[in-house]
Amino acid sequence: MVNRRVLIIVGTNVRVKLLLCDHAISPAAFLTTQVVELFAGQGSNIELYDLEETHAAGFRFNELYLKQDSYTDVTVNLITLHNGKTRNSVYATLEGGGASLSLNGVAITDKSQHVDNFTFVDHRVPNCTSSELFNYVLDQQSVGVFAGKVLVRPGAQHTVSQQKNRNICLTRQSRVFTQPQLEIYADDVKCSHGATVGRLDENALFYMRQRGIPEQEARMLLLIAFVNEVIDLVELEPFRNRLKRLVEKRFRGELSQCEGCRVCR
């Protein structure tokens, strides 16, 4: 069992990139709990990346508490490539004017894996923006959950918020539970939310096969493109390139367990 508590205080006008990785080389069962508190000082620019690459016998509970001062720009990416049972919770408070938050996630699951992402974004002041994009690919009997809520408080005028959850189920046994929510108490805002659950586009598959691409390869290319919609938002180039390699190996069936993270070594 591993229990971590991380406190991060970023000063005024500071730019920082943070990478948090959970790996499990041994197949032994384990429990990980993690609490991260992140305070973004005025004018700061923060990129936070959280990667889970463990195995089916693991349980992971991860909570992030984020507070943003004025004119901060924060990006959070939650990537789950291998896991057993995972719950990620993000509580973000935009309490300074001009703050911007980009919150993104990817989950690739199979067997009986379970991924649950919960987000709560609290717009307390005017002129702030937030965007969320979570893409899931679920195979076999795996389960994906997304519950996201955006709260726009009275007086938080000129808020711009967008929330999306997109899911591809590769089998009839895989399941998705999705619940994007908006709670708005201001009248001069631009907010949207939505969720989709479906299968691979049969028309796109047909088009690719007509051009000589084998069906299995065509399916893999479509899945990679779907996941890369989020991966391309990762600005840390070495990490982004490694993620793309890991995603391709995952879909090819070549990545059956954690490889460790070269970026961390």
C-alpha atoms as a PDB file:
ATOM      1  CA  MET A   1       0.000   0.000   0.000  1.00  0.00           C
ATOM      2  CA  VAL A   2       1.257   3.457  -0.950  1.00  0.00           C
ATOM      3  CA  ASN A   3      -0.181   6.710   0.450  1.00  0.00           C
ATOM      4  CA  ARG A   4       1.062  10.023  -0.916  1.00  0.00           C
ATOM      5  CA  ARG A   5       0.242  13.636  -0.213  1.00  0.00           C
ATOM      6  CA  VAL A   6       1.827  16.254  -2.451  1.00  0.00           C
ATOM      7  CA  LEU A   7       1.679  20.014  -1.908  1.00  0.00           C
ATOM      8  CA  ILE A   8       2.666  22.256  -4.835  1.00  0.00           C
ATOM      9  CA  ILE A   9       2.738  26.046  -4.517  1.00  0.00           C
ATOM     10  CA  VAL A  10       3.599  27.897  -7.721  1.00  0.00           C
ATOM     11  CA  GLY A  11       4.621  31.524  -7.340  1.00  0.00           C
ATOM     12  CA  THR A  12       3.688  34.617  -9.321  1.00  0.00           C
ATOM     13  CA  ASN A  13       4.516  34.504 -13.051  1.00  0.00           C
ATOM     14  CA  VAL A  14       6.237  31.121 -12.739  1.00  0.00           C
ATOM     15  CA  ARG A  15       6.108  28.569 -15.554  1.00  0.00           C
ATOM     16  CA  VAL A  16       6.346  24.900 -14.555  1.00  0.00           C
ATOM     17  CA  LYS A  17       5.783  21.430 -16.044  1.00  0.00           C
ATOM     18  CA  LEU A  18       5.026  18.529 -13.683  1.00  0.00           C
ATOM     19  CA  LEU A  19       4.953  14.818 -14.497  1.00  0.00           C
ATOM     20  CA  LEU A  20       3.461  12.300 -12.047  1.00  0.00           C
ATOM     21  CA  CYS A  21       3.796   8.627 -13.000  1.00  0.00           C
ATOM     22  CA  ASP A  22       2.494   5.478 -11.330  1.00  0.00           C
ATOM     23  CA  HIS A  23       4.156   2.260 -12.492  1.00  0.00           C
ATOM     24  CA  ALA A  24       3.948  -1.316 -11.248  1.00  0.00           C
ATOM     25  CA  ILE A  25       6.432  -3.808 -12.649  1.00  0.00           C
ATOM     26  CA  SER A  26       5.515  -6.555 -10.162  1.00  0.00           C
ATOM     27  CA  PRO A  27       2.123  -8.297 -10.668  1.00  0.00           C
ATOM     28  CA  ALA A  28       1.416  -8.218  -6.912  1.00  0.00           C
ATOM     29  CA  ALA A  29      -1.856  -6.647  -5.769  1.00  0.00           C
ATOM     30  CA  PHE A  30      -1.545  -3.132  -4.361  1.00  0.00           C
ATOM     31  CA  LEU A  31      -3.476  -0.059  -3.247  1.00  0.00           C
ATOM     32  CA  THR A  32      -2.356   3.499  -4.000  1.00  0.00           C
ATOM     33  CA  THR A  33      -3.962   6.640  -2.616  1.00  0.00           C
ATOM     34  CA  GLN A  34      -2.756  10.064  -3.670  1.00  0.00           C
ATOM     35  CA  VAL A  35      -3.785  13.612  -2.796  1.00  0.00           C
ATOM     36  CA  VAL A  36      -2.246  16.521  -4.699  1.00  0.00           C
ATOM     37  CA  GLU A  37      -2.876  20.142  -3.693  1.00  0.00           C
ATOM     38  CA  LEU A  38      -1.853  22.666  -6.328  1.00  0.00           C
ATOM     39  CA  PHE A  39      -1.949  26.431  -5.799  1.00  0.00           C
ATOM     40  CA  ALA A  40      -1.375  28.501  -8.944  1.00  0.00           C
ATOM     41  CA  GLY A  41      -0.050  31.971  -8.186  1.00  0.00           C
ATOM     42  CA  GLN A  42      -1.018  35.037 -10.184  1.00  0.00           C
ATOM     43  CA  GLY A  43       0.095  34.900 -13.810  1.00  0.00           C
ATOM     44  CA  SER A  44       1.581  31.405 -13.521  1.00  0.00           C
ATOM     45  CA  ASN A  45       1.563  28.792 -16.280  1.00  0.00           C
ATOM     46  CA  ILE A  46       1.325  25.155 -15.183  1.00  0.00           C
ATOM     47  CA  GLU A  47       1.212  21.852 -17.049  1.00  0.00           C
ATOM     48  CA  LEU A  48       0.447  18.770 -14.929  1.00  0.00           C
ATOM     49  CA  TYR A  49       0.587  15.279 -16.432  1.00  0.00           C
ATOM     50  CA  ASP A  50      -0.546  12.189 -14.532  1.00  0.00           C
ATOM     51  CA  LEU A  51       0.187   8.775 -16.090  1.00  0.00           C
ATOM     52  CA  GLU A  52      -0.990   5.428 -14.754  1.00  0.00           C
ATOM     53  CA  GLU A  53       0.673   2.348 -16.235  1.00  0.00           C
ATOM     54  CA  THR A  54       0.169  -0.456 -13.726  1.00  0.00           C
ATOM     55  CA  HIS A  55      -1.737  -3.769 -13.992  1.00  0.00           C
ATOM     56  CA  ALA A  56      -5.093  -5.464 -13.375  1.00  0.00           C
ATOM     57  CA  ALA A  57      -4.457  -6.227  -9.684  1.00  0.00           C
ATOM     58  CA  GLY A  58      -4.019  -2.574  -8.724  1.00  0.00           C
ATOM     59  CA  PHE A  59      -6.386  -0.148  -7.011  1.00  0.00           C
ATOM     60  CA  ARG A  60      -5.672   3.574  -7.341  1.00  0.00           C
ATOM     61  CA  PHE A  61      -7.525   6.519  -5.815  1.00  0.00           C
ATOM     62  CA  ASN A  62      -6.216   9.885  -6.935  1.00  0.00           C
ATOM     63  CA  GLU A  63      -7.466  13.344  -5.893  1.00  0.00           C
ATOM     64  CA  LEU A  64      -6.318  16.720  -7.189  1.00  0.00           C
ATOM     65  CA  TYR A  65      -7.311  19.991  -5.518  1.00  0.00           C
ATOM     66  CA  LEU A  66      -6.510  23.009  -7.671  1.00  0.00           C
ATOM     67  CA  LYS A  67      -6.872  26.709  -6.892  1.00  0.00           C
ATOM     68  CA  GLN A  68      -6.133  29.309  -9.553  1.00  0.00           C
ATOM     69  CA  ASP A  69      -5.375  32.975  -8.978  1.00  0.00           C
ATOM     70  CA  SER A  70      -5.913  35.664 -11.608  1.00  0.00           C
ATOM     71  CA  TYR A  71      -4.481  35.268 -15.127  1.00  0.00           C
ATOM     72  CA  THR A  72      -3.253  31.737 -14.516  1.00  0.00           C
ATOM     73  CA  ASP A  73      -3.115  29.143 -17.280  1.00  0.00           C
ATOM     74  CA  VAL A  74      -3.318  25.536 -16.062  1.00  0.00           C
ATOM     75  CA  THR A  75      -3.408  22.320 -18.093  1.00  0.00           C
ATOM     76  CA  VAL A  76      -4.110  18.936 -16.483  1.00  0.00           C
ATOM     77  CA  ASN A  77      -3.873  15.650 -18.399  1.00  0.00           C
ATOM     78  CA  LEU A  78      -4.935  12.318 -16.855  1.00  0.00           C
ATOM     79  CA  ILE A  79      -3.751   9.280 -18.848  1.00  0.00           C
ATOM     80  CA  THR A  80      -4.693   5.709 -17.926  1.00  0.00           C
ATOM     81  CA  LEU A  81      -3.011   3.072 -20.115  1.00  0.00           C
ATOM     82  CA  HIS A  82      -2.993   0.085 -17.730  1.00  0.00           C
ATOM     83  CA  ASN A  83      -4.897  -0.335 -14.505  1.00  0.00           C
ATOM     84  CA  GLY A  84      -7.165  -2.466 -12.372  1.00  0.00           C
ATOM     85  CA  LYS A  85      -9.626  -0.140 -10.646  1.00  0.00           C
ATOM     86  CA  THR A  86      -9.000   3.609 -10.854  1.00  0.00           C
ATOM     87  CA  ARG A  87     -10.790   6.666  -9.503  1.00  0.00           C
ATOM     88  CA  ASN A  88      -9.474  10.125 -10.427  1.00  0.00           C
ATOM     89  CA  SER A  89     -11.138  13.150  -8.829  1.00  0.00           C
ATOM     90  CA  VAL A  90     -10.344  16.755  -9.756  1.00  0.00           C
ATOM     91  CA  TYR A  91     -11.667  19.729  -7.796  1.00  0.00           C
ATOM     92  CA  ALA A  92     -10.728  22.994  -9.516  1.00  0.00           C
ATOM     93  CA  THR A  93     -11.550  26.463  -8.227  1.00  0.00           C
ATOM     94  CA  LEU A  94     -11.076  29.476 -10.485  1.00  0.00           C
ATOM     95  CA  GLU A  95     -10.992  32.335  -8.001  1.00  0.00           C
ATOM     96  CA  GLY A  96      -9.036  34.976  -9.934  1.00  0.00           C
ATOM     97  CA  GLY A  97     -10.229  36.852 -13.007  1.00  0.00           C
ATOM     98  CA  GLY A  98      -8.731  35.819 -16.334  1.00  0.00           C
ATOM     99  CA  ALA A  99      -7.904  32.279 -15.166  1.00  0.00           C
ATOM    100  CA  SER A 100      -7.920  29.498 -17.759  1.00  0.00           C
ATOM    101  CA  LEU A 101      -8.130  25.730 -17.196  1.00  0.00           C
ATOM    102  CA  SER A 102      -7.724  22.884 -19.694  1.00  0.00           C
ATOM    103  CA  LEU A 103      -8.625  19.492 -18.227  1.00  0.00           C
ATOM    104  CA  ASN A 104      -8.139  16.421 -20.416  1.00  0.00           C
ATOM    105  CA  GLY A 105      -8.049  12.652 -20.075  1.00  0.00           C
ATOM    106  CA  VAL A 106      -7.528   9.365 -21.918  1.00  0.00           C
ATOM    107  CA  ALA A 107      -8.411   5.848 -20.796  1.00  0.00           C
ATOM    108  CA  ILE A 108      -7.729   2.589 -22.661  1.00  0.00           C
ATOM    109  CA  THR A 109      -9.221  -0.432 -20.930  1.00  0.00           C
ATOM    110  CA  ASP A 110      -9.859  -4.119 -21.510  1.00  0.00           C
ATOM    111  CA  LYS A 111     -10.618  -7.305 -19.544  1.00  0.00           C
ATOM    112  CA  SER A 112     -12.390  -6.232 -16.312  1.00  0.00           C
ATOM    113  CA  GLN A 113     -10.571  -2.915 -15.850  1.00  0.00           C
ATOM    114  CA  HIS A 114     -12.506   0.044 -14.445  1.00  0.00           C
ATOM    115  CA  VAL A 115     -11.733   3.757 -14.900  1.00  0.00           C
ATOM    116  CA  ASP A 116     -13.723   6.494 -13.172  1.00  0.00           C
ATOM    117  CA  ASN A 117     -12.984  10.192 -13.745  1.00  0.00           C
ATOM    118  CA  PHE A 118     -14.831  12.807 -11.687  1.00  0.00           C
ATOM    119  CA  THR A 119     -14.324  16.533 -12.260  1.00  0.00           C
ATOM    120  CA  PHE A 120     -15.739  19.593 -10.530  1.00  0.00           C
ATOM    121  CA  VAL A 121     -14.888  23.037 -11.910  1.00  0.00           C
ATOM    122  CA  ASP A 122     -16.002  26.006  -9.816  1.00  0.00           C
ATOM    123  CA  HIS A 123     -16.188  29.348 -11.661  1.00  0.00           C
ATOM    124  CA  ARG A 124     -16.343  31.903  -8.857  1.00  0.00           C
ATOM    125  CA  VAL A 125     -15.382  35.130 -10.639  1.00  0.00           C
ATOM    126  CA  PRO A 126     -15.965  36.728 -14.056  1.00  0.00           C
ATOM    127  CA  ASN A 127     -13.892  36.341 -17.221  1.00  0.00           C
ATOM    128  CA  CYS A 128     -12.584  32.797 -16.732  1.00  0.00           C
ATOM    129  CA  THR A 129     -12.483  29.874 -19.166  1.00  0.00           C
ATOM    130  CA  SER A 130     -12.430  26.112 -18.778  1.00  0.00           C
ATOM    131  CA  SER A 131     -12.414  23.229 -21.232  1.00  0.00           C
ATOM    132  CA  GLU A 132     -12.647  19.477 -20.679  1.00  0.00           C
ATOM    133  CA  LEU A 133     -12.061  16.619 -23.120  1.00  0.00           C
ATOM    134  CA  PHE A 134     -12.066  12.968 -22.025  1.00  0.00           C
ATOM    135  CA  ASN A 135     -11.791  10.142 -24.581  1.00  0.00           C
ATOM    136  CA  TYR A 136     -12.248   6.485 -23.603  1.00  0.00           C
ATOM    137  CA  VAL A 137     -11.665   3.257 -25.549  1.00  0.00           C
ATOM    138  CA  LEU A 138     -13.216   0.230 -23.845  1.00  0.00           C
ATOM    139  CA  ASP A 139     -12.777  -3.418 -24.816  1.00  0.00           C
ATOM    140  CA  GLN A 140     -14.028  -6.764 -23.480  1.00  0.00           C
ATOM    141  CA  GLN A 141     -15.840  -6.374 -20.108  1.00  0.00           C
ATOM    142  CA  SER A 142     -14.213  -3.121 -19.021  1.00  0.00           C
ATOM    143  CA  VAL A 143     -16.122  -0.179 -17.558  1.00  0.00           C
ATOM    144  CA  GLY A 144     -15.642   3.550 -17.984  1.00  0.00           C
ATOM    145  CA  VAL A 145     -17.244   6.310 -15.914  1.00  0.00           C
ATOM    146  CA  PHE A 146     -17.189  10.065 -16.451  1.00  0.00           C
ATOM    147  CA  ALA A 147     -18.971  12.473 -14.123  1.00  0.00           C
ATOM    148  CA  GLY A 148     -18.150  16.112 -14.683  1.00  0.00           C
ATOM    149  CA  LYS A 149     -19.774  19.200 -13.242  1.00  0.00           C
ATOM    150  CA  VAL A 150     -19.207  22.860 -14.037  1.00  0.00           C
ATOM    151  CA  LEU A 151     -20.582  25.374 -11.534  1.00  0.00           C
ATOM    152  CA  VAL A 152     -20.919  29.010 -12.596  1.00  0.00           C
ATOM    153  CA  ARG A 153     -21.678  31.090  -9.528  1.00  0.00           C
ATOM    154  CA  PRO A 154     -23.750  34.298  -9.425  1.00  0.00           C
ATOM    155  CA  GLY A 155     -21.643  37.171 -10.676  1.00  0.00           C
ATOM    156  CA  ALA A 156     -19.249  34.967 -12.666  1.00  0.00           C
ATOM    157  CA  GLN A 157     -20.231  36.703 -15.890  1.00  0.00           C
ATOM    158  CA  HIS A 158     -18.423  36.171 -19.204  1.00  0.00           C
ATOM    159  CA  THR A 159     -17.540  32.608 -18.261  1.00  0.00           C
ATOM    160  CA  VAL A 160     -16.665  30.359 -21.200  1.00  0.00           C
ATOM    161  CA  SER A 161     -16.815  26.626 -20.501  1.00  0.00           C
ATOM    162  CA  GLN A 162     -16.828  23.521 -22.679  1.00  0.00           C
ATOM    163  CA  GLN A 163     -17.119  19.909 -21.540  1.00  0.00           C
ATOM    164  CA  LYS A 164     -16.897  16.790 -23.741  1.00  0.00           C
ATOM    165  CA  ASN A 165     -16.735  13.060 -23.066  1.00  0.00           C
ATOM    166  CA  ARG A 166     -16.343  10.730 -26.056  1.00  0.00           C
ATOM    167  CA  ASN A 167     -16.394   6.950 -25.813  1.00  0.00           C
ATOM    168  CA  ILE A 168     -15.795   4.021 -28.152  1.00  0.00           C
ATOM    169  CA  CYS A 169     -17.027   0.599 -27.024  1.00  0.00           C
ATOM    170  CA  LEU A 170     -15.374  -2.249 -28.920  1.00  0.00           C
ATOM    171  CA  THR A 171     -17.653  -4.985 -27.538  1.00  0.00           C
ATOM    172  CA  ARG A 172     -21.246  -5.289 -26.387  1.00  0.00           C
ATOM    173  CA  GLN A 173     -19.987  -6.283 -22.943  1.00  0.00           C
ATOM    174  CA  SER A 174     -18.047  -3.046 -22.338  1.00  0.00           C
ATOM    175  CA  ARG A 175     -19.985  -0.330 -20.520  1.00  0.00           C
ATOM    176  CA  VAL A 176     -19.865   3.434 -20.159  1.00  0.00           C
ATOM    177  CA  PHE A 177     -21.625   5.655 -17.634  1.00  0.00           C
ATOM    178  CA  THR A 178     -21.330   9.325 -18.524  1.00  0.00           C
ATOM    179  CA  GLN A 179     -22.846  12.387 -16.851  1.00  0.00           C
ATOM    180  CA  PRO A 180     -21.595  15.827 -17.915  1.00  0.00           C
ATOM    181  CA  GLN A 181     -23.389  18.580 -15.980  1.00  0.00           C
ATOM    182  CA  LEU A 182     -23.753  22.345 -15.979  1.00  0.00           C
ATOM    183  CA  GLU A 183     -25.068  24.401 -13.064  1.00  0.00           C
ATOM    184  CA  ILE A 184     -25.262  28.052 -14.045  1.00  0.00           C
ATOM    185  CA  TYR A 185     -26.340  31.057 -11.975  1.00  0.00           C
ATOM    186  CA  ALA A 186     -25.132  33.816 -14.325  1.00  0.00           C
ATOM    187  CA  ASP A 187     -26.813  34.970 -17.525  1.00  0.00           C
ATOM    188  CA  ASP A 188     -23.940  36.253 -19.681  1.00  0.00           C
ATOM    189  CA  VAL A 189     -21.949  33.060 -20.264  1.00  0.00           C
ATOM    190  CA  LYS A 190     -21.052  30.628 -23.054  1.00  0.00           C
ATOM    191  CA  CYS A 191     -21.204  27.072 -21.726  1.00  0.00           C
ATOM    192  CA  SER A 192     -21.702  23.728 -23.434  1.00  0.00           C
ATOM    193  CA  HIS A 193     -21.469  20.075 -22.528  1.00  0.00           C
ATOM    194  CA  GLY A 194     -21.993  16.755 -24.244  1.00  0.00           C
ATOM    195  CA  ALA A 195     -21.190  13.066 -24.372  1.00  0.00           C
ATOM    196  CA  THR A 196     -21.116  10.413 -27.090  1.00  0.00           C
ATOM    197  CA  VAL A 197     -21.002   6.621 -26.869  1.00  0.00           C
ATOM    198  CA  GLY A 198     -20.582   4.499 -29.970  1.00  0.00           C
ATOM    199  CA  ARG A 199     -18.547   2.102 -32.047  1.00  0.00           C
ATOM    200  CA  LEU A 200     -15.950   2.599 -34.738  1.00  0.00           C
ATOM    201  CA  ASP A 201     -17.228   4.342 -37.857  1.00  0.00           C
ATOM    202  CA  GLU A 202     -18.129   1.550 -40.302  1.00  0.00           C
ATOM    203  CA  ASN A 203     -18.068   3.968 -43.243  1.00  0.00           C
ATOM    204  CA  ALA A 204     -14.519   5.017 -42.405  1.00  0.00           C
ATOM    205  CA  LEU A 205     -13.509   1.356 -42.081  1.00  0.00           C
ATOM    206  CA  PHE A 206     -15.048   0.579 -45.465  1.00  0.00           C
ATOM    207  CA  TYR A 207     -13.278   3.553 -47.067  1.00  0.00           C
ATOM    208  CA  MET A 208      -9.891   2.466 -45.672  1.00  0.00           C
ATOM    209  CA  ARG A 209     -10.346  -1.178 -46.662  1.00  0.00           C
ATOM    210  CA  GLN A 210     -11.246  -0.104 -50.203  1.00  0.00           C
ATOM    211  CA  ARG A 211      -7.765   1.402 -50.373  1.00  0.00           C
ATOM    212  CA  GLY A 212      -6.022  -1.800 -49.449  1.00  0.00           C
ATOM    213  CA  ILE A 213      -5.650  -1.345 -45.690  1.00  0.00           C
ATOM    214  CA  PRO A 214      -6.333  -4.615 -43.806  1.00  0.00           C
ATOM    215  CA  GLU A 215      -9.316  -4.446 -41.459  1.00  0.00           C
ATOM    216  CA  GLN A 216      -7.314  -4.930 -38.254  1.00  0.00           C
ATOM    217  CA  GLU A 217      -4.836  -2.221 -39.257  1.00  0.00           C
ATOM    218  CA  ALA A 218      -7.669   0.134 -40.228  1.00  0.00           C
ATOM    219  CA  ARG A 219      -9.351  -0.341 -36.856  1.00  0.00           C
ATOM    220  CA  MET A 220      -6.110   0.348 -35.043  1.00  0.00           C
ATOM    221  CA  LEU A 221      -5.452   3.526 -37.062  1.00  0.00           C
ATOM    222  CA  LEU A 222      -8.933   4.860 -36.263  1.00  0.00           C
ATOM    223  CA  LEU A 223      -8.475   4.147 -32.550  1.00  0.00           C
ATOM    224  CA  ILE A 224      -5.048   5.796 -32.502  1.00  0.00           C
ATOM    225  CA  ALA A 225      -6.469   8.905 -34.189  1.00  0.00           C
ATOM    226  CA  PHE A 226      -9.294   9.015 -31.631  1.00  0.00           C
ATOM    227  CA  VAL A 227      -6.910   8.810 -28.660  1.00  0.00           C
ATOM    228  CA  ASN A 228      -4.393  11.217 -30.203  1.00  0.00           C
ATOM    229  CA  GLU A 229      -7.052  13.921 -30.164  1.00  0.00           C
ATOM    230  CA  VAL A 230      -6.200  14.211 -26.467  1.00  0.00           C
ATOM    231  CA  ILE A 231      -2.543  13.129 -26.613  1.00  0.00           C
ATOM    232  CA  ASP A 232      -1.814  15.954 -29.067  1.00  0.00           C
ATOM    233  CA  LEU A 233      -2.773  18.423 -26.320  1.00  0.00           C
ATOM    234  CA  VAL A 234       0.296  17.318 -24.323  1.00  0.00           C
ATOM    235  CA  GLU A 235       2.873  20.074 -24.785  1.00  0.00           C
ATOM    236  CA  LEU A 236       5.777  18.216 -23.154  1.00  0.00           C
ATOM    237  CA  GLU A 237       7.256  16.824 -26.380  1.00  0.00           C
ATOM    238  CA  PRO A 238       9.308  13.843 -25.065  1.00  0.00           C
ATOM    239  CA  PHE A 239       6.332  12.694 -23.013  1.00  0.00           C
ATOM    240  CA  ARG A 240       3.900  13.203 -25.900  1.00  0.00           C
ATOM    241  CA  ASN A 241       6.060  11.150 -28.267  1.00  0.00           C
ATOM    242  CA  ARG A 242       6.411   8.346 -25.734  1.00  0.00           C
ATOM    243  CA  LEU A 243       2.666   8.299 -25.120  1.00  0.00           C
ATOM    244  CA  LYS A 244       2.011   7.898 -28.834  1.00  0.00           C
ATOM    245  CA  ARG A 245       4.399   4.938 -28.989  1.00  0.00           C
ATOM    246  CA  LEU A 246       2.780   3.348 -25.933  1.00  0.00           C
ATOM    247  CA  VAL A 247      -0.723   3.854 -27.331  1.00  0.00           C
ATOM    248  CA  GLU A 248       0.206   2.200 -30.620  1.00  0.00           C
ATOM    249  CA  LYS A 249       1.796  -0.757 -28.816  1.00  0.00           C
ATOM    250  CA  ARG A 250      -1.276  -1.020 -26.599  1.00  0.00           C
ATOM    251  CA  PHE A 251      -3.609  -1.329 -29.571  1.00  0.00           C
ATOM    252  CA  ARG A 252      -1.289  -3.772 -31.329  1.00  0.00           C
ATOM    253  CA  GLY A 253      -1.369  -6.021 -28.265  1.00  0.00           C
ATOM    254  CA  GLU A 254       2.376  -5.631 -27.721  1.00  0.00           C
ATOM    255  CA  LEU A 255       2.031  -3.788 -24.412  1.00  0.00           C
ATOM    256  CA  SER A 256       0.739  -6.347 -21.944  1.00  0.00           C
ATOM    257  CA  GLN A 257       2.315  -4.876 -18.820  1.00  0.00           C
ATOM    258  CA  CYS A 258       4.072  -1.787 -17.526  1.00  0.00           C
ATOM    259  CA  GLU A 259       7.350  -0.953 -19.259  1.00  0.00           C
ATOM    260  CA  GLY A 260       8.413   1.740 -16.840  1.00  0.00           C
ATOM    261  CA  CYS A 261       8.835   5.338 -17.893  1.00  0.00           C
ATOM    262  CA  ARG A 262      12.046   6.451 -19.554  1.00  0.00           C
ATOM    263  CA  VAL A 263      11.104  10.064 -18.986  1.00  0.00           C
ATOM    264  CA  CYS A 264      11.230   9.395 -15.236  1.00  0.00           C
ATOM    265  CA  ARG A 265      14.576   7.603 -15.276  1.00  0.00           C
END
